[in-house]
Amino acid sequence: RTRLRSDLGLTSQKVQVSVEGGQVTVGGQVESELTRK
C-alpha cells in the first residue's frame, strides 16, 4: 500500500490490497489500462 501511494499515487480509496499466505490480491478501480498494468 505504501509503494502504491508513493510510486503511483494510488491511495487505499482507489485500490484495495489484501494478502493471504503471501498471495497478493489488488482490487478497486483505475482510470486506464496502463495504470492497471
PDB file of all heavy atoms in Angstrom:
ATOM      1  N   ARG A   1       0.830  -1.201   0.000  1.00  0.00           N
ATOM      2  CA  ARG A   1       0.000   0.000   0.000  1.00  0.00           C
ATOM      3  C   ARG A   1       0.873   1.262   0.000  1.00  0.00           C
ATOM      4  O   ARG A   1       0.569   2.255  -0.677  1.00  0.00           O
ATOM      5  CB  ARG A   1      -0.931  -0.006   1.206  1.00  0.00           C
ATOM      6  CG  ARG A   1      -2.098  -0.990   1.079  1.00  0.00           C
ATOM      7  CD  ARG A   1      -2.917  -1.064   2.340  1.00  0.00           C
ATOM      8  NE  ARG A   1      -3.439   0.243   2.739  1.00  0.00           N
ATOM      9  CZ  ARG A   1      -4.138   0.440   3.855  1.00  0.00           C
ATOM     10  NH1 ARG A   1      -4.402  -0.570   4.674  1.00  0.00           N
ATOM     11  NH2 ARG A   1      -4.597   1.636   4.145  1.00  0.00           N
ATOM     12  N   THR A   2       1.968   1.216   0.754  1.00  0.00           N
ATOM     13  CA  THR A   2       2.878   2.362   0.809  1.00  0.00           C
ATOM     14  C   THR A   2       3.503   2.619  -0.556  1.00  0.00           C
ATOM     15  O   THR A   2       3.587   3.770  -1.007  1.00  0.00           O
ATOM     16  CB  THR A   2       3.972   2.126   1.859  1.00  0.00           C
ATOM     17  OG1 THR A   2       3.367   1.947   3.146  1.00  0.00           O
ATOM     18  CG2 THR A   2       4.931   3.307   1.911  1.00  0.00           C
ATOM     19  N   ARG A   3       3.936   1.547  -1.231  1.00  0.00           N
ATOM     20  CA  ARG A   3       4.548   1.699  -2.558  1.00  0.00           C
ATOM     21  C   ARG A   3       3.529   2.165  -3.598  1.00  0.00           C
ATOM     22  O   ARG A   3       3.858   2.962  -4.475  1.00  0.00           O
ATOM     23  CB  ARG A   3       5.170   0.369  -2.995  1.00  0.00           C
ATOM     24  CG  ARG A   3       6.486   0.020  -2.314  1.00  0.00           C
ATOM     25  CD  ARG A   3       7.637   0.864  -2.847  1.00  0.00           C
ATOM     26  NE  ARG A   3       7.804   0.676  -4.279  1.00  0.00           N
ATOM     27  CZ  ARG A   3       8.526  -0.307  -4.821  1.00  0.00           C
ATOM     28  NH1 ARG A   3       9.142  -1.179  -4.036  1.00  0.00           N
ATOM     29  NH2 ARG A   3       8.648  -0.398  -6.135  1.00  0.00           N
ATOM     30  N   LEU A   4       2.306   1.663  -3.518  1.00  0.00           N
ATOM     31  CA  LEU A   4       1.275   2.100  -4.460  1.00  0.00           C
ATOM     32  C   LEU A   4       1.033   3.605  -4.333  1.00  0.00           C
ATOM     33  O   LEU A   4       0.855   4.310  -5.335  1.00  0.00           O
ATOM     34  CB  LEU A   4      -0.024   1.334  -4.211  1.00  0.00           C
ATOM     35  CG  LEU A   4      -0.064  -0.116  -4.685  1.00  0.00           C
ATOM     36  CD1 LEU A   4      -1.296  -0.829  -4.142  1.00  0.00           C
ATOM     37  CD2 LEU A   4      -0.043  -0.187  -6.211  1.00  0.00           C
ATOM     38  N   ARG A   5       1.057   4.111  -3.102  1.00  0.00           N
ATOM     39  CA  ARG A   5       0.829   5.533  -2.879  1.00  0.00           C
ATOM     40  C   ARG A   5       2.037   6.358  -3.320  1.00  0.00           C
ATOM     41  O   ARG A   5       1.891   7.378  -3.990  1.00  0.00           O
ATOM     42  CB  ARG A   5       0.510   5.790  -1.407  1.00  0.00           C
ATOM     43  CG  ARG A   5       0.147   7.251  -1.112  1.00  0.00           C
ATOM     44  CD  ARG A   5      -0.371   7.424   0.316  1.00  0.00           C
ATOM     45  NE  ARG A   5       0.601   6.988   1.304  1.00  0.00           N
ATOM     46  CZ  ARG A   5       0.490   5.881   2.041  1.00  0.00           C
ATOM     47  NH1 ARG A   5      -0.557   5.087   1.896  1.00  0.00           N
ATOM     48  NH2 ARG A   5       1.413   5.549   2.929  1.00  0.00           N
ATOM     49  N   SER A   6       3.248   5.912  -2.960  1.00  0.00           N
ATOM     50  CA  SER A   6       4.440   6.706  -3.256  1.00  0.00           C
ATOM     51  C   SER A   6       4.829   6.641  -4.732  1.00  0.00           C
ATOM     52  O   SER A   6       5.256   7.642  -5.307  1.00  0.00           O
ATOM     53  CB  SER A   6       5.616   6.236  -2.390  1.00  0.00           C
ATOM     54  OG  SER A   6       5.971   4.897  -2.699  1.00  0.00           O
ATOM     55  N   ASP A   7       4.670   5.470  -5.355  1.00  0.00           N
ATOM     56  CA  ASP A   7       5.110   5.304  -6.742  1.00  0.00           C
ATOM     57  C   ASP A   7       4.044   5.709  -7.753  1.00  0.00           C
ATOM     58  O   ASP A   7       4.361   6.302  -8.797  1.00  0.00           O
ATOM     59  CB  ASP A   7       5.507   3.854  -7.015  1.00  0.00           C
ATOM     60  CG  ASP A   7       6.799   3.455  -6.316  1.00  0.00           C
ATOM     61  OD1 ASP A   7       7.261   4.205  -5.435  1.00  0.00           O
ATOM     62  OD2 ASP A   7       7.341   2.387  -6.648  1.00  0.00           O
ATOM     63  N   LEU A   8       2.788   5.381  -7.471  1.00  0.00           N
ATOM     64  CA  LEU A   8       1.729   5.567  -8.462  1.00  0.00           C
ATOM     65  C   LEU A   8       0.630   6.526  -8.024  1.00  0.00           C
ATOM     66  O   LEU A   8      -0.309   6.783  -8.785  1.00  0.00           O
ATOM     67  CB  LEU A   8       1.108   4.207  -8.822  1.00  0.00           C
ATOM     68  CG  LEU A   8       2.072   3.150  -9.369  1.00  0.00           C
ATOM     69  CD1 LEU A   8       1.347   1.836  -9.605  1.00  0.00           C
ATOM     70  CD2 LEU A   8       2.735   3.628 -10.650  1.00  0.00           C
ATOM     71  N   GLY A   9       0.732   7.034  -6.807  1.00  0.00           N
ATOM     72  CA  GLY A   9      -0.278   7.970  -6.328  1.00  0.00           C
ATOM     73  C   GLY A   9      -1.629   7.331  -6.080  1.00  0.00           C
ATOM     74  O   GLY A   9      -2.652   8.022  -6.078  1.00  0.00           O
ATOM     75  N   LEU A  10      -1.646   6.025  -5.853  1.00  0.00           N
ATOM     76  CA  LEU A  10      -2.906   5.301  -5.645  1.00  0.00           C
ATOM     77  C   LEU A  10      -3.130   5.076  -4.158  1.00  0.00           C
ATOM     78  O   LEU A  10      -2.368   4.359  -3.501  1.00  0.00           O
ATOM     79  CB  LEU A  10      -2.874   3.958  -6.384  1.00  0.00           C
ATOM     80  CG  LEU A  10      -2.790   4.047  -7.912  1.00  0.00           C
ATOM     81  CD1 LEU A  10      -2.601   2.664  -8.515  1.00  0.00           C
ATOM     82  CD2 LEU A  10      -4.034   4.720  -8.482  1.00  0.00           C
ATOM     83  N   THR A  11      -4.153   5.687  -3.614  1.00  0.00           N
ATOM     84  CA  THR A  11      -4.476   5.546  -2.199  1.00  0.00           C
ATOM     85  C   THR A  11      -5.363   4.322  -1.984  1.00  0.00           C
ATOM     86  O   THR A  11      -5.854   3.704  -2.940  1.00  0.00           O
ATOM     87  CB  THR A  11      -5.204   6.797  -1.691  1.00  0.00           C
ATOM     88  OG1 THR A  11      -6.464   6.895  -2.362  1.00  0.00           O
ATOM     89  CG2 THR A  11      -4.378   8.054  -1.963  1.00  0.00           C
ATOM     90  N   SER A  12      -5.593   4.009  -0.732  1.00  0.00           N
ATOM     91  CA  SER A  12      -6.443   2.858  -0.397  1.00  0.00           C
ATOM     92  C   SER A  12      -7.895   3.091  -0.790  1.00  0.00           C
ATOM     93  O   SER A  12      -8.684   2.152  -0.866  1.00  0.00           O
ATOM     94  CB  SER A  12      -6.334   2.548   1.098  1.00  0.00           C
ATOM     95  OG  SER A  12      -6.681   3.683   1.867  1.00  0.00           O
ATOM     96  N   GLN A  13      -8.269   4.336  -1.047  1.00  0.00           N
ATOM     97  CA  GLN A  13      -9.610   4.610  -1.533  1.00  0.00           C
ATOM     98  C   GLN A  13      -9.761   4.202  -3.004  1.00  0.00           C
ATOM     99  O   GLN A  13     -10.861   3.859  -3.451  1.00  0.00           O
ATOM    100  CB  GLN A  13      -9.960   6.102  -1.383  1.00  0.00           C
ATOM    101  CG  GLN A  13     -10.256   6.550   0.042  1.00  0.00           C
ATOM    102  CD  GLN A  13      -8.999   6.621   0.900  1.00  0.00           C
ATOM    103  OE1 GLN A  13      -7.951   7.041   0.391  1.00  0.00           O
ATOM    104  NE2 GLN A  13      -9.099   6.234   2.149  1.00  0.00           N
ATOM    105  N   LYS A  14      -8.645   4.237  -3.726  1.00  0.00           N
ATOM    106  CA  LYS A  14      -8.666   3.862  -5.136  1.00  0.00           C
ATOM    107  C   LYS A  14      -8.522   2.355  -5.318  1.00  0.00           C
ATOM    108  O   LYS A  14      -9.269   1.733  -6.088  1.00  0.00           O
ATOM    109  CB  LYS A  14      -7.518   4.571  -5.871  1.00  0.00           C
ATOM    110  CG  LYS A  14      -7.830   5.982  -6.307  1.00  0.00           C
ATOM    111  CD  LYS A  14      -8.654   5.950  -7.598  1.00  0.00           C
ATOM    112  CE  LYS A  14      -8.836   7.369  -8.128  1.00  0.00           C
ATOM    113  NZ  LYS A  14      -9.711   7.360  -9.331  1.00  0.00           N
ATOM    114  N   VAL A  15      -7.525   1.787  -4.691  1.00  0.00           N
ATOM    115  CA  VAL A  15      -7.262   0.353  -4.820  1.00  0.00           C
ATOM    116  C   VAL A  15      -7.129  -0.263  -3.434  1.00  0.00           C
ATOM    117  O   VAL A  15      -6.615   0.375  -2.509  1.00  0.00           O
ATOM    118  CB  VAL A  15      -5.995   0.079  -5.658  1.00  0.00           C
ATOM    119  CG1 VAL A  15      -6.185   0.495  -7.098  1.00  0.00           C
ATOM    120  CG2 VAL A  15      -4.773   0.771  -5.074  1.00  0.00           C
ATOM    121  N   GLN A  16      -7.576  -1.476  -3.311  1.00  0.00           N
ATOM    122  CA  GLN A  16      -7.533  -2.171  -2.039  1.00  0.00           C
ATOM    123  C   GLN A  16      -6.618  -3.390  -2.159  1.00  0.00           C
ATOM    124  O   GLN A  16      -6.655  -4.111  -3.165  1.00  0.00           O
ATOM    125  CB  GLN A  16      -8.933  -2.623  -1.609  1.00  0.00           C
ATOM    126  CG  GLN A  16      -9.908  -1.471  -1.362  1.00  0.00           C
ATOM    127  CD  GLN A  16     -10.455  -0.867  -2.646  1.00  0.00           C
ATOM    128  OE1 GLN A  16     -10.925  -1.604  -3.522  1.00  0.00           O
ATOM    129  NE2 GLN A  16     -10.405   0.460  -2.758  1.00  0.00           N
ATOM    130  N   VAL A  17      -5.803  -3.564  -1.138  1.00  0.00           N
ATOM    131  CA  VAL A  17      -4.821  -4.649  -1.139  1.00  0.00           C
ATOM    132  C   VAL A  17      -5.140  -5.621  -0.019  1.00  0.00           C
ATOM    133  O   VAL A  17      -5.375  -5.215   1.125  1.00  0.00           O
ATOM    134  CB  VAL A  17      -3.382  -4.096  -0.940  1.00  0.00           C
ATOM    135  CG1 VAL A  17      -2.367  -5.245  -0.933  1.00  0.00           C
ATOM    136  CG2 VAL A  17      -3.039  -3.072  -2.005  1.00  0.00           C
ATOM    137  N   SER A  18      -5.138  -6.899  -0.348  1.00  0.00           N
ATOM    138  CA  SER A  18      -5.257  -7.939   0.674  1.00  0.00           C
ATOM    139  C   SER A  18      -4.178  -8.981   0.421  1.00  0.00           C
ATOM    140  O   SER A  18      -3.776  -9.221  -0.727  1.00  0.00           O
ATOM    141  CB  SER A  18      -6.649  -8.590   0.639  1.00  0.00           C
ATOM    142  OG  SER A  18      -6.864  -9.232  -0.603  1.00  0.00           O
ATOM    143  N   VAL A  19      -3.680  -9.580   1.490  1.00  0.00           N
ATOM    144  CA  VAL A  19      -2.624 -10.586   1.383  1.00  0.00           C
ATOM    145  C   VAL A  19      -3.000 -11.773   2.249  1.00  0.00           C
ATOM    146  O   VAL A  19      -3.330 -11.614   3.429  1.00  0.00           O
ATOM    147  CB  VAL A  19      -1.250 -10.025   1.830  1.00  0.00           C
ATOM    148  CG1 VAL A  19      -0.168 -11.082   1.659  1.00  0.00           C
ATOM    149  CG2 VAL A  19      -0.896  -8.758   1.056  1.00  0.00           C
ATOM    150  N   GLU A  20      -2.926 -12.942   1.665  1.00  0.00           N
ATOM    151  CA  GLU A  20      -3.232 -14.158   2.413  1.00  0.00           C
ATOM    152  C   GLU A  20      -2.223 -15.238   2.026  1.00  0.00           C
ATOM    153  O   GLU A  20      -2.142 -15.636   0.863  1.00  0.00           O
ATOM    154  CB  GLU A  20      -4.644 -14.656   2.116  1.00  0.00           C
ATOM    155  CG  GLU A  20      -5.052 -15.863   2.963  1.00  0.00           C
ATOM    156  CD  GLU A  20      -6.499 -16.242   2.775  1.00  0.00           C
ATOM    157  OE1 GLU A  20      -7.252 -15.458   2.160  1.00  0.00           O
ATOM    158  OE2 GLU A  20      -6.875 -17.324   3.231  1.00  0.00           O
ATOM    159  N   GLY A  21      -1.442 -15.654   3.000  1.00  0.00           N
ATOM    160  CA  GLY A  21      -0.412 -16.646   2.726  1.00  0.00           C
ATOM    161  C   GLY A  21       0.616 -16.173   1.723  1.00  0.00           C
ATOM    162  O   GLY A  21       1.203 -16.969   0.982  1.00  0.00           O
ATOM    163  N   GLY A  22       0.855 -14.870   1.704  1.00  0.00           N
ATOM    164  CA  GLY A  22       1.826 -14.302   0.770  1.00  0.00           C
ATOM    165  C   GLY A  22       1.258 -13.983  -0.594  1.00  0.00           C
ATOM    166  O   GLY A  22       1.926 -13.344  -1.413  1.00  0.00           O
ATOM    167  N   GLN A  23       0.025 -14.411  -0.879  1.00  0.00           N
ATOM    168  CA  GLN A  23      -0.599 -14.121  -2.163  1.00  0.00           C
ATOM    169  C   GLN A  23      -1.308 -12.777  -2.103  1.00  0.00           C
ATOM    170  O   GLN A  23      -2.137 -12.539  -1.227  1.00  0.00           O
ATOM    171  CB  GLN A  23      -1.584 -15.216  -2.553  1.00  0.00           C
ATOM    172  CG  GLN A  23      -2.219 -14.985  -3.912  1.00  0.00           C
ATOM    173  CD  GLN A  23      -2.976 -16.200  -4.406  1.00  0.00           C
ATOM    174  OE1 GLN A  23      -2.424 -17.049  -5.099  1.00  0.00           O
ATOM    175  NE2 GLN A  23      -4.233 -16.303  -4.029  1.00  0.00           N
ATOM    176  N   VAL A  24      -0.987 -11.930  -3.056  1.00  0.00           N
ATOM    177  CA  VAL A  24      -1.472 -10.554  -3.060  1.00  0.00           C
ATOM    178  C   VAL A  24      -2.669 -10.429  -4.001  1.00  0.00           C
ATOM    179  O   VAL A  24      -2.606 -10.864  -5.159  1.00  0.00           O
ATOM    180  CB  VAL A  24      -0.364  -9.580  -3.506  1.00  0.00           C
ATOM    181  CG1 VAL A  24      -0.884  -8.142  -3.520  1.00  0.00           C
ATOM    182  CG2 VAL A  24       0.852  -9.701  -2.597  1.00  0.00           C
ATOM    183  N   THR A  25      -3.727  -9.818  -3.511  1.00  0.00           N
ATOM    184  CA  THR A  25      -4.887  -9.501  -4.337  1.00  0.00           C
ATOM    185  C   THR A  25      -5.103  -7.996  -4.305  1.00  0.00           C
ATOM    186  O   THR A  25      -5.119  -7.394  -3.227  1.00  0.00           O
ATOM    187  CB  THR A  25      -6.149 -10.208  -3.821  1.00  0.00           C
ATOM    188  OG1 THR A  25      -5.945 -11.623  -3.826  1.00  0.00           O
ATOM    189  CG2 THR A  25      -7.355  -9.871  -4.701  1.00  0.00           C
ATOM    190  N   VAL A  26      -5.218  -7.408  -5.477  1.00  0.00           N
ATOM    191  CA  VAL A  26      -5.468  -5.967  -5.562  1.00  0.00           C
ATOM    192  C   VAL A  26      -6.773  -5.750  -6.324  1.00  0.00           C
ATOM    193  O   VAL A  26      -6.967  -6.283  -7.423  1.00  0.00           O
ATOM    194  CB  VAL A  26      -4.323  -5.224  -6.279  1.00  0.00           C
ATOM    195  CG1 VAL A  26      -4.630  -3.723  -6.357  1.00  0.00           C
ATOM    196  CG2 VAL A  26      -3.002  -5.443  -5.558  1.00  0.00           C
ATOM    197  N   GLY A  27      -7.683  -4.999  -5.718  1.00  0.00           N
ATOM    198  CA  GLY A  27      -8.940  -4.653  -6.349  1.00  0.00           C
ATOM    199  C   GLY A  27      -9.133  -3.157  -6.358  1.00  0.00           C
ATOM    200  O   GLY A  27      -8.276  -2.399  -5.889  1.00  0.00           O
ATOM    201  N   GLY A  28     -10.254  -2.726  -6.895  1.00  0.00           N
ATOM    202  CA  GLY A  28     -10.529  -1.298  -6.963  1.00  0.00           C
ATOM    203  C   GLY A  28     -10.781  -0.862  -8.382  1.00  0.00           C
ATOM    204  O   GLY A  28     -11.046  -1.685  -9.270  1.00  0.00           O
ATOM    205  N   GLN A  29     -10.644   0.426  -8.611  1.00  0.00           N
ATOM    206  CA  GLN A  29     -10.957   0.986  -9.919  1.00  0.00           C
ATOM    207  C   GLN A  29      -9.937   2.042 -10.291  1.00  0.00           C
ATOM    208  O   GLN A  29      -9.602   2.911  -9.480  1.00  0.00           O
ATOM    209  CB  GLN A  29     -12.362   1.591  -9.892  1.00  0.00           C
ATOM    210  CG  GLN A  29     -12.892   2.003 -11.256  1.00  0.00           C
ATOM    211  CD  GLN A  29     -14.396   2.240 -11.206  1.00  0.00           C
ATOM    212  OE1 GLN A  29     -15.179   1.307 -11.034  1.00  0.00           O
ATOM    213  NE2 GLN A  29     -14.797   3.493 -11.356  1.00  0.00           N
ATOM    214  N   VAL A  30      -9.412   1.958 -11.521  1.00  0.00           N
ATOM    215  CA  VAL A  30      -8.443   2.934 -12.014  1.00  0.00           C
ATOM    216  C   VAL A  30      -8.922   3.478 -13.349  1.00  0.00           C
ATOM    217  O   VAL A  30      -9.849   2.942 -13.957  1.00  0.00           O
ATOM    218  CB  VAL A  30      -7.034   2.306 -12.173  1.00  0.00           C
ATOM    219  CG1 VAL A  30      -6.490   1.855 -10.832  1.00  0.00           C
ATOM    220  CG2 VAL A  30      -7.071   1.143 -13.166  1.00  0.00           C
ATOM    221  N   GLU A  31      -8.264   4.551 -13.816  1.00  0.00           N
ATOM    222  CA  GLU A  31      -8.742   5.257 -14.996  1.00  0.00           C
ATOM    223  C   GLU A  31      -8.198   4.719 -16.311  1.00  0.00           C
ATOM    224  O   GLU A  31      -8.672   5.104 -17.383  1.00  0.00           O
ATOM    225  CB  GLU A  31      -8.388   6.751 -14.899  1.00  0.00           C
ATOM    226  CG  GLU A  31      -9.246   7.538 -13.911  1.00  0.00           C
ATOM    227  CD  GLU A  31      -8.910   7.211 -12.469  1.00  0.00           C
ATOM    228  OE1 GLU A  31      -7.777   6.761 -12.216  1.00  0.00           O
ATOM    229  OE2 GLU A  31      -9.787   7.395 -11.604  1.00  0.00           O
ATOM    230  N   SER A  32      -7.167   3.861 -16.270  1.00  0.00           N
ATOM    231  CA  SER A  32      -6.601   3.402 -17.538  1.00  0.00           C
ATOM    232  C   SER A  32      -6.017   2.002 -17.406  1.00  0.00           C
ATOM    233  O   SER A  32      -5.659   1.553 -16.304  1.00  0.00           O
ATOM    234  CB  SER A  32      -5.505   4.359 -18.025  1.00  0.00           C
ATOM    235  OG  SER A  32      -4.357   4.262 -17.198  1.00  0.00           O
ATOM    236  N   GLU A  33      -5.910   1.354 -18.554  1.00  0.00           N
ATOM    237  CA  GLU A  33      -5.286   0.028 -18.602  1.00  0.00           C
ATOM    238  C   GLU A  33      -3.816   0.108 -18.234  1.00  0.00           C
ATOM    239  O   GLU A  33      -3.265  -0.807 -17.601  1.00  0.00           O
ATOM    240  CB  GLU A  33      -5.445  -0.554 -20.010  1.00  0.00           C
ATOM    241  CG  GLU A  33      -4.865  -1.950 -20.200  1.00  0.00           C
ATOM    242  CD  GLU A  33      -5.581  -3.018 -19.398  1.00  0.00           C
ATOM    243  OE1 GLU A  33      -6.720  -2.782 -18.952  1.00  0.00           O
ATOM    244  OE2 GLU A  33      -4.985  -4.088 -19.192  1.00  0.00           O
ATOM    245  N   LEU A  34      -3.165   1.207 -18.589  1.00  0.00           N
ATOM    246  CA  LEU A  34      -1.748   1.368 -18.246  1.00  0.00           C
ATOM    247  C   LEU A  34      -1.554   1.416 -16.728  1.00  0.00           C
ATOM    248  O   LEU A  34      -0.579   0.868 -16.201  1.00  0.00           O
ATOM    249  CB  LEU A  34      -1.174   2.634 -18.879  1.00  0.00           C
ATOM    250  CG  LEU A  34      -0.757   2.542 -20.347  1.00  0.00           C
ATOM    251  CD1 LEU A  34      -0.257   3.889 -20.849  1.00  0.00           C
ATOM    252  CD2 LEU A  34       0.320   1.481 -20.533  1.00  0.00           C
ATOM    253  N   THR A  35      -2.469   2.078 -16.025  1.00  0.00           N
ATOM    254  CA  THR A  35      -2.377   2.124 -14.564  1.00  0.00           C
ATOM    255  C   THR A  35      -2.534   0.728 -13.988  1.00  0.00           C
ATOM    256  O   THR A  35      -1.811   0.335 -13.070  1.00  0.00           O
ATOM    257  CB  THR A  35      -3.456   3.061 -13.983  1.00  0.00           C
ATOM    258  OG1 THR A  35      -3.292   4.365 -14.534  1.00  0.00           O
ATOM    259  CG2 THR A  35      -3.338   3.133 -12.467  1.00  0.00           C
ATOM    260  N   ARG A  36      -3.465  -0.027 -14.538  1.00  0.00           N
ATOM    261  CA  ARG A  36      -3.652  -1.405 -14.059  1.00  0.00           C
ATOM    262  C   ARG A  36      -2.383  -2.229 -14.266  1.00  0.00           C
ATOM    263  O   ARG A  36      -1.965  -2.999 -13.383  1.00  0.00           O
ATOM    264  CB  ARG A  36      -4.828  -2.054 -14.798  1.00  0.00           C
ATOM    265  CG  ARG A  36      -5.250  -3.409 -14.229  1.00  0.00           C
ATOM    266  CD  ARG A  36      -6.404  -3.997 -15.010  1.00  0.00           C
ATOM    267  NE  ARG A  36      -5.976  -4.425 -16.326  1.00  0.00           N
ATOM    268  CZ  ARG A  36      -5.363  -5.603 -16.575  1.00  0.00           C
ATOM    269  NH1 ARG A  36      -5.119  -6.442 -15.585  1.00  0.00           N
ATOM    270  NH2 ARG A  36      -5.013  -5.913 -17.794  1.00  0.00           N
ATOM    271  N   LYS A  37      -1.749  -2.061 -15.416  1.00  0.00           N
ATOM    272  CA  LYS A  37      -0.513  -2.792 -15.694  1.00  0.00           C
ATOM    273  C   LYS A  37       0.627  -2.328 -14.787  1.00  0.00           C
ATOM    274  O   LYS A  37       1.481  -3.125 -14.387  1.00  0.00           O
ATOM    275  CB  LYS A  37      -0.120  -2.619 -17.158  1.00  0.00           C
ATOM    276  CG  LYS A  37      -1.033  -3.348 -18.125  1.00  0.00           C
ATOM    277  CD  LYS A  37      -0.568  -3.162 -19.570  1.00  0.00           C
ATOM    278  CE  LYS A  37      -1.443  -3.933 -20.537  1.00  0.00           C
ATOM    279  NZ  LYS A  37      -1.007  -3.766 -21.948  1.00  0.00           N
TER     280      LYS A  37
END
